Amino acid sequence: MNLIVDVGNSFVKFAVFQEDELLEKITTELSDFEKTQKEISKNHPKIKKCILASVGKLSKEAIIKLEKQYKVLILDSNLKFPFQNRYQTPTTLGVDRMALVSASVKRYTNKDVLIIDAGSCITYDFINRQNEYLGGAISPGIRLRYKSLHNFTANLPLLDTEMPETLIGDSTKGAIHSGVVNGIVKEIDGIIDEYQAKYSDLTVILTGGDANFLSKQLKNSIFANSNFLLEGLNFILEYNTH
């Protein structure tokens, strides 16, 4: 049984896997890390191994406590990954992106796969059917676009994310929603179209915090999977400890 710990800026995602099956997922504030981890340990005493992602935001004390309980693997670019990395600067490639690609190898073997992670940034990652990771793209996410309009202009308000009612915004708020949301949807659909023109049998995965919001608006066929990163982290843990 495995424990997956993905530490973000403010929140931590915990996941418990029995082999490939996700048994439990908990999202908590970073300040509640130790309390939540103790509860998971109590409820799942058979956990033996753990993988930690984004450990820089955790205290050394918290990491030491985990290492006393489990065999802990810290996610970094020096681990073994189940694909050939063709990225020109592999040490600068975010380990979260490597985990997403690992998940695609596990679930969609020998296929051309585009993984789109819609979070703070929107990342595009492509792995071909020869199991070669070629790279992708990084774009501002939904909240980043709303905040940029507010922070770098004199009079535009900061709005909550909202589906635009019409293509033509007839107010400042309407125009912002149309620009941000329609802009992202058209971007994602356009990039998928370009990949499909080159790779006809393309599998597209959409994941990340904004995946559900965006998936309903895309014209292209995609697989939405909010747990894709956690699945990838679990696979990396197994791949490096067997």
Protein backbone atom coordinates (compact mmCIF):
# COMPACT_ATOMS: atom_id res chain seq x y z
CA MET A 1 0.00 0.00 0.00
CA ASN A 2 1.38 3.42 -1.05
CA LEU A 3 1.01 6.97 0.22
CA ILE A 4 1.23 9.78 -2.34
CA VAL A 5 1.95 13.29 -1.04
CA ASP A 6 1.77 16.22 -3.45
CA VAL A 7 2.62 19.52 -1.72
CA GLY A 8 1.39 22.74 -3.33
CA ASN A 9 1.77 26.38 -2.29
CA SER A 10 -1.15 26.34 0.13
CA PHE A 11 -2.64 22.87 -0.06
CA VAL A 12 -1.46 19.26 0.16
CA LYS A 13 -3.00 16.34 -1.70
CA PHE A 14 -2.74 12.95 -0.03
CA ALA A 15 -3.67 9.76 -1.86
CA VAL A 16 -3.64 6.14 -0.75
CA PHE A 17 -3.17 3.43 -3.40
CA GLN A 18 -3.51 -0.33 -3.17
CA GLU A 19 -1.42 -1.27 -6.20
CA ASP A 20 -3.15 0.69 -9.04
CA GLU A 21 -6.40 1.33 -7.17
CA LEU A 22 -6.99 4.74 -5.59
CA LEU A 23 -8.54 4.06 -2.19
CA GLU A 24 -8.68 7.55 -0.71
CA LYS A 25 -7.83 11.13 -1.65
CA ILE A 26 -7.66 14.04 0.81
CA THR A 27 -6.85 17.69 0.13
CA THR A 28 -5.89 19.76 3.14
CA GLU A 29 -4.17 23.02 4.01
CA LEU A 30 -0.41 22.91 4.40
CA SER A 31 -0.76 23.91 8.05
CA ASP A 32 -2.74 20.69 8.71
CA PHE A 33 -0.13 18.41 7.11
CA GLU A 34 0.93 16.46 10.21
CA LYS A 35 -2.59 16.11 11.59
CA THR A 36 -3.92 14.73 8.30
CA GLN A 37 -0.94 12.44 7.81
CA LYS A 38 -1.48 10.93 11.29
CA GLU A 39 -5.13 10.24 10.49
CA ILE A 40 -4.20 8.52 7.23
CA SER A 41 -1.56 6.45 9.00
CA LYS A 42 -4.12 5.37 11.58
CA ASN A 43 -6.75 4.48 8.97
CA HIS A 44 -4.30 2.71 6.64
CA PRO A 45 -1.70 0.89 8.81
CA LYS A 46 -0.54 -1.25 5.85
CA ILE A 47 1.09 1.69 4.05
CA LYS A 48 4.77 0.83 3.51
CA LYS A 49 6.01 3.28 0.86
CA CYS A 50 5.58 6.99 0.23
CA ILE A 51 6.47 9.41 -2.55
CA LEU A 52 6.87 13.13 -1.84
CA ALA A 53 6.43 15.78 -4.54
CA SER A 54 7.35 19.47 -4.06
CA VAL A 55 9.05 18.84 -0.73
CA GLY A 56 10.62 22.31 -0.59
CA LYS A 57 7.51 23.64 1.14
CA LEU A 58 7.58 20.99 3.88
CA SER A 59 9.56 21.37 7.09
CA LYS A 60 12.53 19.05 7.59
CA GLU A 61 10.85 17.85 10.75
CA ALA A 62 7.76 16.71 8.81
CA ILE A 63 9.91 14.88 6.28
CA ILE A 64 11.93 13.14 9.02
CA LYS A 65 8.70 11.95 10.66
CA LEU A 66 7.53 10.48 7.37
CA GLU A 67 10.87 8.75 6.84
CA LYS A 68 10.60 7.12 10.27
CA GLN A 69 7.26 5.60 9.27
CA TYR A 70 7.69 4.73 5.61
CA LYS A 71 10.21 4.08 2.90
CA VAL A 72 10.13 7.59 1.38
CA LEU A 73 10.99 8.46 -2.22
CA ILE A 74 11.49 12.15 -3.01
CA LEU A 75 10.42 13.09 -6.52
CA ASP A 76 13.19 14.69 -8.57
CA SER A 77 14.68 14.46 -12.05
CA ASN A 78 17.29 11.90 -10.94
CA LEU A 79 14.74 9.12 -10.50
CA LYS A 80 14.06 6.46 -13.10
CA PHE A 81 11.18 7.29 -15.43
CA PRO A 82 9.36 4.89 -17.78
CA PHE A 83 10.07 6.85 -20.97
CA GLN A 84 12.92 8.30 -23.03
CA ASN A 85 13.29 11.99 -22.24
CA ARG A 86 14.07 14.01 -25.40
CA TYR A 87 13.67 17.39 -23.65
CA GLN A 88 16.69 19.59 -24.41
CA THR A 89 16.95 20.79 -20.78
CA PRO A 90 15.78 17.78 -18.72
CA THR A 91 16.89 19.26 -15.39
CA THR A 92 14.52 22.22 -15.86
CA LEU A 93 11.50 20.03 -16.67
CA GLY A 94 8.96 20.21 -13.85
CA VAL A 95 8.68 16.90 -12.03
CA ASP A 96 4.89 17.24 -12.01
CA ARG A 97 4.99 17.16 -15.81
CA MET A 98 7.19 14.06 -15.66
CA ALA A 99 4.64 12.42 -13.38
CA LEU A 100 1.82 13.18 -15.83
CA VAL A 101 3.79 11.66 -18.70
CA SER A 102 4.50 8.59 -16.54
CA ALA A 103 0.77 8.18 -15.95
CA SER A 104 0.15 8.24 -19.70
CA VAL A 105 2.78 5.51 -20.22
CA LYS A 106 1.01 3.34 -17.66
CA ARG A 107 -2.52 3.89 -18.96
CA TYR A 108 -1.99 4.42 -22.71
CA THR A 109 0.94 2.23 -23.72
CA ASN A 110 2.36 2.68 -27.25
CA LYS A 111 0.06 5.57 -28.14
CA ASP A 112 0.59 9.18 -29.15
CA VAL A 113 -0.64 11.10 -26.08
CA LEU A 114 -1.10 14.81 -25.39
CA ILE A 115 -1.55 15.62 -21.69
CA ILE A 116 -3.06 19.02 -20.87
CA ASP A 117 -2.82 20.10 -17.23
CA ALA A 118 -5.08 23.09 -16.55
CA GLY A 119 -3.93 24.61 -13.28
CA SER A 120 -2.08 27.82 -12.34
CA CYS A 121 -0.41 27.35 -15.71
CA ILE A 122 -1.68 25.28 -18.59
CA THR A 123 0.98 22.76 -19.58
CA TYR A 124 0.96 20.66 -22.73
CA ASP A 125 3.10 17.51 -22.76
CA PHE A 126 3.47 15.07 -25.64
CA ILE A 127 4.78 11.52 -25.68
CA ASN A 128 4.79 9.51 -28.89
CA ARG A 129 4.00 5.86 -29.49
CA GLN A 130 7.75 5.10 -29.46
CA ASN A 131 7.73 6.06 -25.76
CA GLU A 132 9.68 9.27 -26.39
CA TYR A 133 8.79 12.41 -24.47
CA LEU A 134 9.29 15.30 -26.90
CA GLY A 135 8.19 18.33 -24.83
CA GLY A 136 5.19 20.62 -25.14
CA ALA A 137 4.18 24.12 -24.08
CA ILE A 138 3.47 26.28 -21.03
CA SER A 139 0.71 28.89 -21.04
CA PRO A 140 -0.95 31.10 -18.38
CA GLY A 141 -3.89 29.44 -16.63
CA ILE A 142 -7.36 30.85 -16.05
CA ARG A 143 -6.71 32.58 -12.72
CA LEU A 144 -3.37 33.91 -13.93
CA ARG A 145 -5.11 35.57 -16.89
CA TYR A 146 -7.78 37.19 -14.71
CA LYS A 147 -5.11 38.42 -12.27
CA SER A 148 -2.88 39.75 -15.07
CA LEU A 149 -5.70 41.85 -16.51
CA HIS A 150 -6.31 43.32 -13.07
CA ASN A 151 -2.68 43.78 -12.00
CA PHE A 152 -1.25 45.21 -15.20
CA THR A 153 -4.03 47.60 -16.18
CA ALA A 154 -5.36 50.65 -14.40
CA ASN A 155 -9.09 50.06 -14.30
CA LEU A 156 -9.97 46.41 -14.93
CA PRO A 157 -11.49 44.59 -11.93
CA LEU A 158 -10.38 41.20 -10.59
CA LEU A 159 -13.22 38.78 -11.30
CA ASP A 160 -14.05 35.28 -10.17
CA THR A 161 -13.93 32.61 -12.87
CA GLU A 162 -17.24 32.49 -14.69
CA MET A 163 -18.61 31.02 -17.89
CA PRO A 164 -19.23 33.87 -20.38
CA GLU A 165 -22.87 34.28 -21.30
CA THR A 166 -22.12 35.42 -24.83
CA LEU A 167 -19.22 35.68 -27.23
CA ILE A 168 -19.69 39.46 -27.43
CA GLY A 169 -19.26 40.92 -23.95
CA ASP A 170 -21.61 43.91 -23.61
CA SER A 171 -20.00 45.11 -20.35
CA THR A 172 -16.46 45.24 -18.98
CA LYS A 173 -17.10 42.16 -16.86
CA GLY A 174 -18.67 40.33 -19.77
CA ALA A 175 -15.78 41.26 -22.04
CA ILE A 176 -13.21 39.98 -19.51
CA HIS A 177 -15.02 36.66 -19.04
CA SER A 178 -15.34 36.25 -22.80
CA GLY A 179 -11.70 37.10 -23.41
CA VAL A 180 -10.27 34.87 -20.68
CA VAL A 181 -12.47 31.79 -20.94
CA ASN A 182 -13.10 31.78 -24.69
CA GLY A 183 -9.44 32.58 -25.25
CA ILE A 184 -8.32 29.52 -23.28
CA VAL A 185 -10.92 27.23 -24.87
CA LYS A 186 -9.91 28.33 -28.39
CA GLU A 187 -6.25 27.95 -27.47
CA ILE A 188 -6.69 24.39 -26.21
CA ASP A 189 -8.88 23.33 -29.13
CA GLY A 190 -6.45 24.94 -31.58
CA ILE A 191 -3.43 23.17 -30.12
CA ILE A 192 -5.27 19.83 -30.11
CA ASP A 193 -6.18 20.41 -33.79
CA GLU A 194 -2.52 20.97 -34.68
CA TYR A 195 -1.38 17.83 -32.88
CA GLN A 196 -4.17 15.80 -34.51
CA ALA A 197 -3.11 17.03 -37.94
CA LYS A 198 0.31 15.47 -37.31
CA TYR A 199 -0.74 12.49 -35.18
CA SER A 200 -4.07 11.18 -36.46
CA ASP A 201 -4.67 8.64 -33.69
CA LEU A 202 -4.05 11.05 -30.83
CA THR A 203 -5.20 10.44 -27.26
CA VAL A 204 -5.85 13.67 -25.32
CA ILE A 205 -5.93 13.81 -21.51
CA LEU A 206 -7.22 16.88 -19.67
CA THR A 207 -6.38 17.13 -15.98
CA GLY A 208 -5.73 19.76 -13.29
CA GLY A 209 -7.90 21.99 -11.14
CA ASP A 210 -9.76 23.64 -14.05
CA ALA A 211 -10.26 20.43 -16.07
CA ASN A 212 -13.93 19.95 -15.23
CA PHE A 213 -14.76 23.60 -15.93
CA LEU A 214 -13.04 23.52 -19.32
CA SER A 215 -13.94 20.01 -20.51
CA LYS A 216 -17.60 20.89 -21.13
CA GLN A 217 -16.64 23.67 -23.54
CA LEU A 218 -14.05 21.94 -25.72
CA LYS A 219 -15.10 20.77 -29.17
CA ASN A 220 -12.40 18.10 -29.30
CA SER A 221 -12.83 14.68 -27.72
CA ILE A 222 -10.76 14.39 -24.54
CA PHE A 223 -10.49 12.17 -21.48
CA ALA A 224 -10.91 14.23 -18.30
CA ASN A 225 -9.07 12.71 -15.33
CA SER A 226 -8.54 14.82 -12.21
CA ASN A 227 -6.41 12.08 -10.58
CA PHE A 228 -3.91 11.70 -13.41
CA LEU A 229 -0.99 13.30 -11.53
CA LEU A 230 -1.59 11.12 -8.47
CA GLU A 231 -1.69 8.01 -10.68
CA GLY A 232 1.60 9.07 -12.25
CA LEU A 233 3.25 9.60 -8.87
CA ASN A 234 2.10 6.17 -7.72
CA PHE A 235 3.51 4.60 -10.88
CA ILE A 236 6.87 6.36 -10.39
CA LEU A 237 7.01 5.08 -6.80
CA GLU A 238 6.40 1.52 -7.96
CA TYR A 239 8.79 1.88 -10.89
CA ASN A 240 11.64 2.99 -8.62
CA THR A 241 11.11 0.60 -5.71
CA HIS A 242 10.45 -2.74 -7.37
